[in-house]
Amino acid sequence: MNPIERALQGCGRSAESGDTAEEHMRLIVDQFTKQAVPFSQMPDHSPELILAATGVGPTDTVLDIACGPGFLACAFAQVAHHVTGIDLTPAMIKQAEALQQSHRLTNMTWRIGDVLPLPFPDSSFSLVFTRYSFHHFLDPKAVLTEMVRVCSPGGRVAVVDVFTSGPEQAEAYNRMEKLRDPSHVRALSLEELTGLFREAGLQNVRRQFYKHAFGLDQVLKGSFPNPGDEERIRRLFEDDLGLDRLGLGVQRREDGIHFAYPIVILVGYKHP
């Protein structure tokens, strides 16, 4: 049984059903198997900010959901008591294991699997975290509910993701991002993300912001759009110069088009 079939079985869905969830899971595995190596080589300067925002410490047991190549999981493991990373894509877990070995970290566990439901008992972790994943989930509210379930009373739940501002920007951004990464579902607005935290019963919710900057050529080199869509993406960025309909602050420099994803760090506490 392959990882997708195991995950579907855990969700109570038949691997033969051909439903939307199965198709989407296969799309994620296809995209992120291709992206595993370029993703693992992409520079990222946000770990220190995220570690500070979550307040991770030496007594914490951390769950990193959709951990990808393990950047944040390994950063957490250098501070926390133990870190578990889970991802649907085996190629990502392979990269994460290699990163763990390069840092000589022994307080880590990796799982291949889905997030609905999470394969862990209630109240298993003091910090439950995910980064750059919510826009890939068909049902982010259900994922957040699972995150809260496996978080211990008094523990923290943290979501880090891109967000949109306003319906017109959301429509333009999601159209572009779906072309760039066919496994993209929808970036939520800041109000939606904050509302999900309130609905989940999380308390003392804090927000911090940063921008993740890229060159367009750099991003497209590590992306795998459908045939013909790369040129459509380039045109969308060219057409957005001076307009900011995408909400990415697109600008032209000597070496090409540059932009920055707006990112929010949301941290809330589970009722003791």
C-alpha atoms as a PDB file:
ATOM      1  CA  MET A   1       0.000   0.000   0.000  1.00  0.00           C
ATOM      2  CA  ASN A   2       1.484   3.368  -1.013  1.00  0.00           C
ATOM      3  CA  PRO A   3       1.521   6.475   1.248  1.00  0.00           C
ATOM      4  CA  ILE A   4      -1.528   8.013  -0.402  1.00  0.00           C
ATOM      5  CA  GLU A   5      -3.559   4.830  -0.053  1.00  0.00           C
ATOM      6  CA  ARG A   6      -2.522   4.529   3.609  1.00  0.00           C
ATOM      7  CA  ALA A   7      -3.530   8.131   4.220  1.00  0.00           C
ATOM      8  CA  LEU A   8      -6.866   7.671   2.486  1.00  0.00           C
ATOM      9  CA  GLN A   9      -7.525   4.544   4.534  1.00  0.00           C
ATOM     10  CA  GLY A  10      -6.801   6.541   7.682  1.00  0.00           C
ATOM     11  CA  CYS A  11      -9.316   9.156   6.572  1.00  0.00           C
ATOM     12  CA  GLY A  12     -11.972   6.547   5.992  1.00  0.00           C
ATOM     13  CA  ARG A  13     -11.840   7.095   2.224  1.00  0.00           C
ATOM     14  CA  SER A  14     -11.447   4.351  -0.338  1.00  0.00           C
ATOM     15  CA  ALA A  15      -8.362   4.517  -2.562  1.00  0.00           C
ATOM     16  CA  GLU A  16     -10.615   3.428  -5.413  1.00  0.00           C
ATOM     17  CA  SER A  17     -13.206   6.123  -4.853  1.00  0.00           C
ATOM     18  CA  GLY A  18     -11.618   8.669  -7.205  1.00  0.00           C
ATOM     19  CA  ASP A  19     -12.947  11.519  -5.056  1.00  0.00           C
ATOM     20  CA  THR A  20     -11.613  15.047  -5.016  1.00  0.00           C
ATOM     21  CA  ALA A  21      -9.548  14.464  -1.885  1.00  0.00           C
ATOM     22  CA  GLU A  22      -7.671  11.547  -3.425  1.00  0.00           C
ATOM     23  CA  GLU A  23      -7.016  13.437  -6.644  1.00  0.00           C
ATOM     24  CA  HIS A  24      -5.732  16.415  -4.702  1.00  0.00           C
ATOM     25  CA  MET A  25      -3.439  14.268  -2.557  1.00  0.00           C
ATOM     26  CA  ARG A  26      -1.963  12.699  -5.669  1.00  0.00           C
ATOM     27  CA  LEU A  27      -1.433  16.160  -7.141  1.00  0.00           C
ATOM     28  CA  ILE A  28       0.393  17.286  -3.994  1.00  0.00           C
ATOM     29  CA  VAL A  29       2.672  14.239  -4.018  1.00  0.00           C
ATOM     30  CA  ASP A  30       3.394  14.732  -7.732  1.00  0.00           C
ATOM     31  CA  GLN A  31       4.223  18.428  -7.337  1.00  0.00           C
ATOM     32  CA  PHE A  32       6.278  18.118  -4.179  1.00  0.00           C
ATOM     33  CA  THR A  33       8.185  15.069  -5.366  1.00  0.00           C
ATOM     34  CA  LYS A  34       9.384  17.270  -8.233  1.00  0.00           C
ATOM     35  CA  GLN A  35       9.977  20.237  -5.907  1.00  0.00           C
ATOM     36  CA  ALA A  36      11.757  18.300  -3.119  1.00  0.00           C
ATOM     37  CA  VAL A  37      15.341  19.020  -4.188  1.00  0.00           C
ATOM     38  CA  PRO A  38      14.894  22.662  -5.336  1.00  0.00           C
ATOM     39  CA  PHE A  39      12.782  23.360  -2.236  1.00  0.00           C
ATOM     40  CA  SER A  40      15.526  22.010   0.021  1.00  0.00           C
ATOM     41  CA  GLN A  41      18.057  24.330  -1.654  1.00  0.00           C
ATOM     42  CA  MET A  42      15.954  27.497  -1.394  1.00  0.00           C
ATOM     43  CA  PRO A  43      17.332  30.110   1.032  1.00  0.00           C
ATOM     44  CA  ASP A  44      15.044  31.037   3.909  1.00  0.00           C
ATOM     45  CA  HIS A  45      15.784  33.602   6.591  1.00  0.00           C
ATOM     46  CA  SER A  46      12.591  33.200   8.653  1.00  0.00           C
ATOM     47  CA  PRO A  47      13.419  30.359  11.147  1.00  0.00           C
ATOM     48  CA  GLU A  48      14.738  32.649  13.894  1.00  0.00           C
ATOM     49  CA  LEU A  49      11.642  34.856  13.654  1.00  0.00           C
ATOM     50  CA  ILE A  50       9.324  31.845  13.790  1.00  0.00           C
ATOM     51  CA  LEU A  51      11.137  30.203  16.708  1.00  0.00           C
ATOM     52  CA  ALA A  52      10.884  33.444  18.667  1.00  0.00           C
ATOM     53  CA  ALA A  53       7.193  33.909  17.782  1.00  0.00           C
ATOM     54  CA  THR A  54       6.261  30.394  18.941  1.00  0.00           C
ATOM     55  CA  GLY A  55       8.289  30.649  22.154  1.00  0.00           C
ATOM     56  CA  VAL A  56       9.738  27.167  21.673  1.00  0.00           C
ATOM     57  CA  GLY A  57      11.904  25.971  24.561  1.00  0.00           C
ATOM     58  CA  PRO A  58      13.785  22.922  25.903  1.00  0.00           C
ATOM     59  CA  THR A  59      10.695  21.268  27.415  1.00  0.00           C
ATOM     60  CA  ASP A  60       8.595  21.434  24.235  1.00  0.00           C
ATOM     61  CA  THR A  61       7.514  18.461  22.169  1.00  0.00           C
ATOM     62  CA  VAL A  62       6.835  19.812  18.688  1.00  0.00           C
ATOM     63  CA  LEU A  63       4.788  18.533  15.745  1.00  0.00           C
ATOM     64  CA  ASP A  64       5.632  20.075  12.353  1.00  0.00           C
ATOM     65  CA  ILE A  65       2.763  19.385   9.929  1.00  0.00           C
ATOM     66  CA  ALA A  66       3.563  19.277   6.194  1.00  0.00           C
ATOM     67  CA  CYS A  67       7.195  19.601   7.266  1.00  0.00           C
ATOM     68  CA  GLY A  68       8.596  19.453   3.724  1.00  0.00           C
ATOM     69  CA  PRO A  69      12.404  19.110   3.631  1.00  0.00           C
ATOM     70  CA  GLY A  70      12.623  19.719   7.373  1.00  0.00           C
ATOM     71  CA  PHE A  71      13.973  23.273   7.585  1.00  0.00           C
ATOM     72  CA  LEU A  72      11.799  24.338  10.492  1.00  0.00           C
ATOM     73  CA  ALA A  73      11.674  20.910  12.125  1.00  0.00           C
ATOM     74  CA  CYS A  74      15.467  20.853  12.361  1.00  0.00           C
ATOM     75  CA  ALA A  75      15.533  24.445  13.604  1.00  0.00           C
ATOM     76  CA  PHE A  76      13.005  23.542  16.318  1.00  0.00           C
ATOM     77  CA  ALA A  77      15.001  20.409  17.225  1.00  0.00           C
ATOM     78  CA  GLN A  78      18.044  22.505  18.091  1.00  0.00           C
ATOM     79  CA  VAL A  79      15.965  24.100  20.864  1.00  0.00           C
ATOM     80  CA  ALA A  80      13.115  21.709  21.772  1.00  0.00           C
ATOM     81  CA  HIS A  81      13.053  18.401  23.637  1.00  0.00           C
ATOM     82  CA  HIS A  82      11.728  16.448  20.645  1.00  0.00           C
ATOM     83  CA  VAL A  83      10.337  17.207  17.186  1.00  0.00           C
ATOM     84  CA  THR A  84       8.111  15.073  14.958  1.00  0.00           C
ATOM     85  CA  GLY A  85       7.736  15.984  11.301  1.00  0.00           C
ATOM     86  CA  ILE A  86       4.934  14.625   9.115  1.00  0.00           C
ATOM     87  CA  ASP A  87       4.516  15.061   5.360  1.00  0.00           C
ATOM     88  CA  LEU A  88       2.520  13.328   2.646  1.00  0.00           C
ATOM     89  CA  THR A  89       5.427  13.266   0.182  1.00  0.00           C
ATOM     90  CA  PRO A  90       8.122  10.587   0.721  1.00  0.00           C
ATOM     91  CA  ALA A  91      10.672  12.587  -1.290  1.00  0.00           C
ATOM     92  CA  MET A  92      10.298  15.483   1.146  1.00  0.00           C
ATOM     93  CA  ILE A  93      10.843  13.210   4.141  1.00  0.00           C
ATOM     94  CA  LYS A  94      13.962  11.853   2.452  1.00  0.00           C
ATOM     95  CA  GLN A  95      15.331  15.405   2.202  1.00  0.00           C
ATOM     96  CA  ALA A  96      14.347  16.052   5.831  1.00  0.00           C
ATOM     97  CA  GLU A  97      16.188  12.955   7.023  1.00  0.00           C
ATOM     98  CA  ALA A  98      19.312  14.047   5.141  1.00  0.00           C
ATOM     99  CA  LEU A  99      19.108  17.506   6.733  1.00  0.00           C
ATOM    100  CA  GLN A 100      18.708  15.950  10.181  1.00  0.00           C
ATOM    101  CA  GLN A 101      21.806  13.825   9.625  1.00  0.00           C
ATOM    102  CA  SER A 102      23.812  16.821   8.439  1.00  0.00           C
ATOM    103  CA  HIS A 103      22.956  18.618  11.704  1.00  0.00           C
ATOM    104  CA  ARG A 104      23.570  15.442  13.764  1.00  0.00           C
ATOM    105  CA  LEU A 105      20.229  15.782  15.507  1.00  0.00           C
ATOM    106  CA  THR A 106      18.965  12.747  17.412  1.00  0.00           C
ATOM    107  CA  ASN A 107      15.741  14.124  18.926  1.00  0.00           C
ATOM    108  CA  MET A 108      13.613  13.807  15.786  1.00  0.00           C
ATOM    109  CA  THR A 109      11.008  11.460  14.310  1.00  0.00           C
ATOM    110  CA  TRP A 110       9.598  11.490  10.763  1.00  0.00           C
ATOM    111  CA  ARG A 111       6.226  10.215   9.524  1.00  0.00           C
ATOM    112  CA  ILE A 112       4.788   9.896   6.017  1.00  0.00           C
ATOM    113  CA  GLY A 113       1.071  10.514   6.078  1.00  0.00           C
ATOM    114  CA  ASP A 114      -1.946  12.776   5.744  1.00  0.00           C
ATOM    115  CA  VAL A 115      -3.243  15.309   8.248  1.00  0.00           C
ATOM    116  CA  LEU A 116      -6.932  14.310   8.293  1.00  0.00           C
ATOM    117  CA  PRO A 117      -6.884  12.806  10.773  1.00  0.00           C
ATOM    118  CA  LEU A 118      -3.442  13.285  12.282  1.00  0.00           C
ATOM    119  CA  PRO A 119      -2.092   9.874  13.344  1.00  0.00           C
ATOM    120  CA  PHE A 120      -1.422  10.915  16.944  1.00  0.00           C
ATOM    121  CA  PRO A 121      -3.393  10.710  20.221  1.00  0.00           C
ATOM    122  CA  ASP A 122      -5.055  13.719  21.815  1.00  0.00           C
ATOM    123  CA  SER A 123      -2.765  16.176  23.648  1.00  0.00           C
ATOM    124  CA  SER A 124       0.456  14.628  22.290  1.00  0.00           C
ATOM    125  CA  PHE A 125       2.447  17.838  21.675  1.00  0.00           C
ATOM    126  CA  SER A 126       3.013  21.134  23.458  1.00  0.00           C
ATOM    127  CA  LEU A 127       3.559  22.987  20.157  1.00  0.00           C
ATOM    128  CA  VAL A 128       1.775  22.095  16.910  1.00  0.00           C
ATOM    129  CA  PHE A 129       3.052  23.973  13.910  1.00  0.00           C
ATOM    130  CA  THR A 130       2.710  24.239  10.149  1.00  0.00           C
ATOM    131  CA  ARG A 131       4.288  26.572   7.595  1.00  0.00           C
ATOM    132  CA  TYR A 132       3.381  27.346   3.957  1.00  0.00           C
ATOM    133  CA  SER A 133       0.775  24.586   3.902  1.00  0.00           C
ATOM    134  CA  PHE A 134      -2.692  26.018   4.597  1.00  0.00           C
ATOM    135  CA  HIS A 135      -3.134  27.207   0.998  1.00  0.00           C
ATOM    136  CA  HIS A 136      -2.754  23.558  -0.091  1.00  0.00           C
ATOM    137  CA  PHE A 137      -5.516  22.170   2.149  1.00  0.00           C
ATOM    138  CA  LEU A 138      -9.007  21.522   0.812  1.00  0.00           C
ATOM    139  CA  ASP A 139     -10.387  21.995   4.343  1.00  0.00           C
ATOM    140  CA  PRO A 140      -8.054  24.178   6.427  1.00  0.00           C
ATOM    141  CA  LYS A 141     -10.637  24.457   9.209  1.00  0.00           C
ATOM    142  CA  ALA A 142     -10.614  20.675   9.662  1.00  0.00           C
ATOM    143  CA  VAL A 143      -6.805  20.649   9.685  1.00  0.00           C
ATOM    144  CA  LEU A 144      -6.717  23.332  12.375  1.00  0.00           C
ATOM    145  CA  THR A 145      -9.231  21.335  14.420  1.00  0.00           C
ATOM    146  CA  GLU A 146      -6.881  18.336  14.249  1.00  0.00           C
ATOM    147  CA  MET A 147      -3.932  20.548  15.238  1.00  0.00           C
ATOM    148  CA  VAL A 148      -5.825  21.697  18.320  1.00  0.00           C
ATOM    149  CA  ARG A 149      -6.820  18.119  19.174  1.00  0.00           C
ATOM    150  CA  VAL A 150      -3.240  16.839  19.310  1.00  0.00           C
ATOM    151  CA  CYS A 151      -2.030  19.932  21.204  1.00  0.00           C
ATOM    152  CA  SER A 152      -1.803  19.615  24.973  1.00  0.00           C
ATOM    153  CA  PRO A 153      -3.857  21.933  27.219  1.00  0.00           C
ATOM    154  CA  GLY A 154      -1.985  25.191  27.628  1.00  0.00           C
ATOM    155  CA  GLY A 155       0.101  24.433  24.530  1.00  0.00           C
ATOM    156  CA  ARG A 156       0.448  26.478  21.368  1.00  0.00           C
ATOM    157  CA  VAL A 157      -0.805  26.093  17.824  1.00  0.00           C
ATOM    158  CA  ALA A 158       1.016  28.041  15.107  1.00  0.00           C
ATOM    159  CA  VAL A 159       0.217  28.580  11.418  1.00  0.00           C
ATOM    160  CA  VAL A 160       2.555  30.431   9.065  1.00  0.00           C
ATOM    161  CA  ASP A 161       1.261  31.117   5.571  1.00  0.00           C
ATOM    162  CA  VAL A 162       0.759  33.610   2.779  1.00  0.00           C
ATOM    163  CA  PHE A 163      -2.388  35.722   3.026  1.00  0.00           C
ATOM    164  CA  THR A 164      -4.438  37.899   0.696  1.00  0.00           C
ATOM    165  CA  SER A 165      -6.052  41.315   1.167  1.00  0.00           C
ATOM    166  CA  GLY A 166      -9.425  41.786  -0.465  1.00  0.00           C
ATOM    167  CA  PRO A 167     -11.421  39.668  -2.939  1.00  0.00           C
ATOM    168  CA  GLU A 168      -9.965  41.137  -6.142  1.00  0.00           C
ATOM    169  CA  GLN A 169      -6.392  40.595  -4.999  1.00  0.00           C
ATOM    170  CA  ALA A 170      -7.286  37.101  -3.792  1.00  0.00           C
ATOM    171  CA  GLU A 171      -8.762  36.190  -7.183  1.00  0.00           C
ATOM    172  CA  ALA A 172      -5.716  37.485  -9.086  1.00  0.00           C
ATOM    173  CA  TYR A 173      -3.215  35.896  -6.711  1.00  0.00           C
ATOM    174  CA  ASN A 174      -4.912  32.503  -6.576  1.00  0.00           C
ATOM    175  CA  ARG A 175      -5.249  32.379 -10.362  1.00  0.00           C
ATOM    176  CA  MET A 176      -1.516  33.016 -10.742  1.00  0.00           C
ATOM    177  CA  GLU A 177      -0.458  30.637  -7.988  1.00  0.00           C
ATOM    178  CA  LYS A 178      -2.659  27.839  -9.334  1.00  0.00           C
ATOM    179  CA  LEU A 179      -0.820  28.162 -12.650  1.00  0.00           C
ATOM    180  CA  ARG A 180       2.569  28.089 -10.920  1.00  0.00           C
ATOM    181  CA  ASP A 181       1.706  25.181  -8.616  1.00  0.00           C
ATOM    182  CA  PRO A 182      -1.329  23.111  -9.659  1.00  0.00           C
ATOM    183  CA  SER A 183      -1.598  21.705  -6.112  1.00  0.00           C
ATOM    184  CA  HIS A 184      -2.423  25.206  -4.770  1.00  0.00           C
ATOM    185  CA  VAL A 185      -6.023  25.494  -3.543  1.00  0.00           C
ATOM    186  CA  ARG A 186      -6.563  29.000  -2.131  1.00  0.00           C
ATOM    187  CA  ALA A 187      -4.683  31.500  -0.021  1.00  0.00           C
ATOM    188  CA  LEU A 188      -6.887  32.677   2.816  1.00  0.00           C
ATOM    189  CA  SER A 189      -7.319  36.293   3.817  1.00  0.00           C
ATOM    190  CA  LEU A 190      -5.895  37.558   7.084  1.00  0.00           C
ATOM    191  CA  GLU A 191      -9.440  37.836   8.440  1.00  0.00           C
ATOM    192  CA  GLU A 192     -10.227  34.232   7.485  1.00  0.00           C
ATOM    193  CA  LEU A 193      -7.083  32.875   9.113  1.00  0.00           C
ATOM    194  CA  THR A 194      -7.678  34.826  12.303  1.00  0.00           C
ATOM    195  CA  GLY A 195     -11.324  33.756  12.296  1.00  0.00           C
ATOM    196  CA  LEU A 196     -10.340  30.089  12.069  1.00  0.00           C
ATOM    197  CA  PHE A 197      -8.212  30.489  15.197  1.00  0.00           C
ATOM    198  CA  ARG A 198     -11.147  32.028  17.081  1.00  0.00           C
ATOM    199  CA  GLU A 199     -13.557  29.324  15.898  1.00  0.00           C
ATOM    200  CA  ALA A 200     -11.092  26.662  17.048  1.00  0.00           C
ATOM    201  CA  GLY A 201     -11.210  28.107  20.570  1.00  0.00           C
ATOM    202  CA  LEU A 202      -7.592  29.254  20.594  1.00  0.00           C
ATOM    203  CA  GLN A 203      -6.834  32.077  23.001  1.00  0.00           C
ATOM    204  CA  ASN A 204      -4.415  35.007  23.204  1.00  0.00           C
ATOM    205  CA  VAL A 205      -3.889  34.855  19.441  1.00  0.00           C
ATOM    206  CA  ARG A 206      -0.849  36.833  18.308  1.00  0.00           C
ATOM    207  CA  ARG A 207       0.103  37.878  14.775  1.00  0.00           C
ATOM    208  CA  GLN A 208       3.458  38.783  13.299  1.00  0.00           C
ATOM    209  CA  PHE A 209       4.302  39.558   9.692  1.00  0.00           C
ATOM    210  CA  TYR A 210       7.212  39.248   7.307  1.00  0.00           C
ATOM    211  CA  LYS A 211       7.822  39.135   3.570  1.00  0.00           C
ATOM    212  CA  HIS A 212       9.473  36.233   1.754  1.00  0.00           C
ATOM    213  CA  ALA A 213      11.278  37.760  -1.228  1.00  0.00           C
ATOM    214  CA  PHE A 214      12.139  35.996  -4.482  1.00  0.00           C
ATOM    215  CA  GLY A 215      13.241  36.577  -8.029  1.00  0.00           C
ATOM    216  CA  LEU A 216      10.683  35.277 -10.523  1.00  0.00           C
ATOM    217  CA  ASP A 217      13.325  33.276 -12.402  1.00  0.00           C
ATOM    218  CA  GLN A 218      14.389  31.652  -9.130  1.00  0.00           C
ATOM    219  CA  VAL A 219      10.824  30.649  -8.294  1.00  0.00           C
ATOM    220  CA  LEU A 220      10.011  29.297 -11.738  1.00  0.00           C
ATOM    221  CA  LYS A 221      13.212  27.255 -11.774  1.00  0.00           C
ATOM    222  CA  GLY A 222      11.875  25.325  -8.766  1.00  0.00           C
ATOM    223  CA  SER A 223       8.266  25.172  -9.988  1.00  0.00           C
ATOM    224  CA  PHE A 224       6.603  22.669 -12.288  1.00  0.00           C
ATOM    225  CA  PRO A 225       3.595  24.307 -13.965  1.00  0.00           C
ATOM    226  CA  ASN A 226       1.672  22.564 -16.693  1.00  0.00           C
ATOM    227  CA  PRO A 227       3.060  22.928 -20.251  1.00  0.00           C
ATOM    228  CA  GLY A 228       2.613  26.461 -21.577  1.00  0.00           C
ATOM    229  CA  ASP A 229       1.711  27.978 -18.213  1.00  0.00           C
ATOM    230  CA  GLU A 230       5.168  29.375 -17.427  1.00  0.00           C
ATOM    231  CA  GLU A 231       4.790  32.028 -20.115  1.00  0.00           C
ATOM    232  CA  ARG A 232       1.309  32.874 -18.830  1.00  0.00           C
ATOM    233  CA  ILE A 233       2.787  33.361 -15.347  1.00  0.00           C
ATOM    234  CA  ARG A 234       5.516  35.633 -16.691  1.00  0.00           C
ATOM    235  CA  ARG A 235       2.909  37.747 -18.486  1.00  0.00           C
ATOM    236  CA  LEU A 236       0.851  38.077 -15.302  1.00  0.00           C
ATOM    237  CA  PHE A 237       3.897  39.408 -13.443  1.00  0.00           C
ATOM    238  CA  GLU A 238       4.840  41.742 -16.289  1.00  0.00           C
ATOM    239  CA  ASP A 239       1.291  43.087 -16.413  1.00  0.00           C
ATOM    240  CA  ASP A 240       1.313  43.665 -12.637  1.00  0.00           C
ATOM    241  CA  LEU A 241       4.275  46.063 -12.642  1.00  0.00           C
ATOM    242  CA  GLY A 242       3.168  49.292 -10.957  1.00  0.00           C
ATOM    243  CA  LEU A 243      -0.340  47.938 -10.251  1.00  0.00           C
ATOM    244  CA  ASP A 244       0.074  45.353  -7.441  1.00  0.00           C
ATOM    245  CA  ARG A 245      -3.094  43.468  -8.268  1.00  0.00           C
ATOM    246  CA  LEU A 246      -1.306  40.302  -7.088  1.00  0.00           C
ATOM    247  CA  GLY A 247      -0.397  41.861  -3.733  1.00  0.00           C
ATOM    248  CA  LEU A 248       3.245  40.847  -4.194  1.00  0.00           C
ATOM    249  CA  GLY A 249       4.878  44.233  -4.785  1.00  0.00           C
ATOM    250  CA  VAL A 250       6.169  43.147  -8.208  1.00  0.00           C
ATOM    251  CA  GLN A 251       9.108  45.223  -9.446  1.00  0.00           C
ATOM    252  CA  ARG A 252      11.698  45.070 -12.177  1.00  0.00           C
ATOM    253  CA  ARG A 253      15.401  45.131 -11.341  1.00  0.00           C
ATOM    254  CA  GLU A 254      18.502  44.802 -13.507  1.00  0.00           C
ATOM    255  CA  ASP A 255      18.472  41.018 -13.086  1.00  0.00           C
ATOM    256  CA  GLY A 256      14.749  40.543 -13.736  1.00  0.00           C
ATOM    257  CA  ILE A 257      11.368  40.547 -11.981  1.00  0.00           C
ATOM    258  CA  HIS A 258      11.300  40.421  -8.173  1.00  0.00           C
ATOM    259  CA  PHE A 259       8.428  40.129  -5.690  1.00  0.00           C
ATOM    260  CA  ALA A 260       7.667  39.123  -2.083  1.00  0.00           C
ATOM    261  CA  TYR A 261       4.988  36.902  -0.576  1.00  0.00           C
ATOM    262  CA  PRO A 262       3.232  38.549   2.428  1.00  0.00           C
ATOM    263  CA  ILE A 263       3.400  36.071   5.322  1.00  0.00           C
ATOM    264  CA  VAL A 264       1.609  35.988   8.661  1.00  0.00           C
ATOM    265  CA  ILE A 265       2.667  34.038  11.761  1.00  0.00           C
ATOM    266  CA  LEU A 266      -0.397  33.183  13.863  1.00  0.00           C
ATOM    267  CA  VAL A 267       0.104  31.703  17.335  1.00  0.00           C
ATOM    268  CA  GLY A 268      -2.715  30.780  19.706  1.00  0.00           C
ATOM    269  CA  TYR A 269      -2.973  28.955  23.021  1.00  0.00           C
ATOM    270  CA  LYS A 270      -5.170  25.960  23.758  1.00  0.00           C
ATOM    271  CA  HIS A 271      -7.340  26.389  26.833  1.00  0.00           C
ATOM    272  CA  PRO A 272      -5.633  24.753  29.856  1.00  0.00           C
END
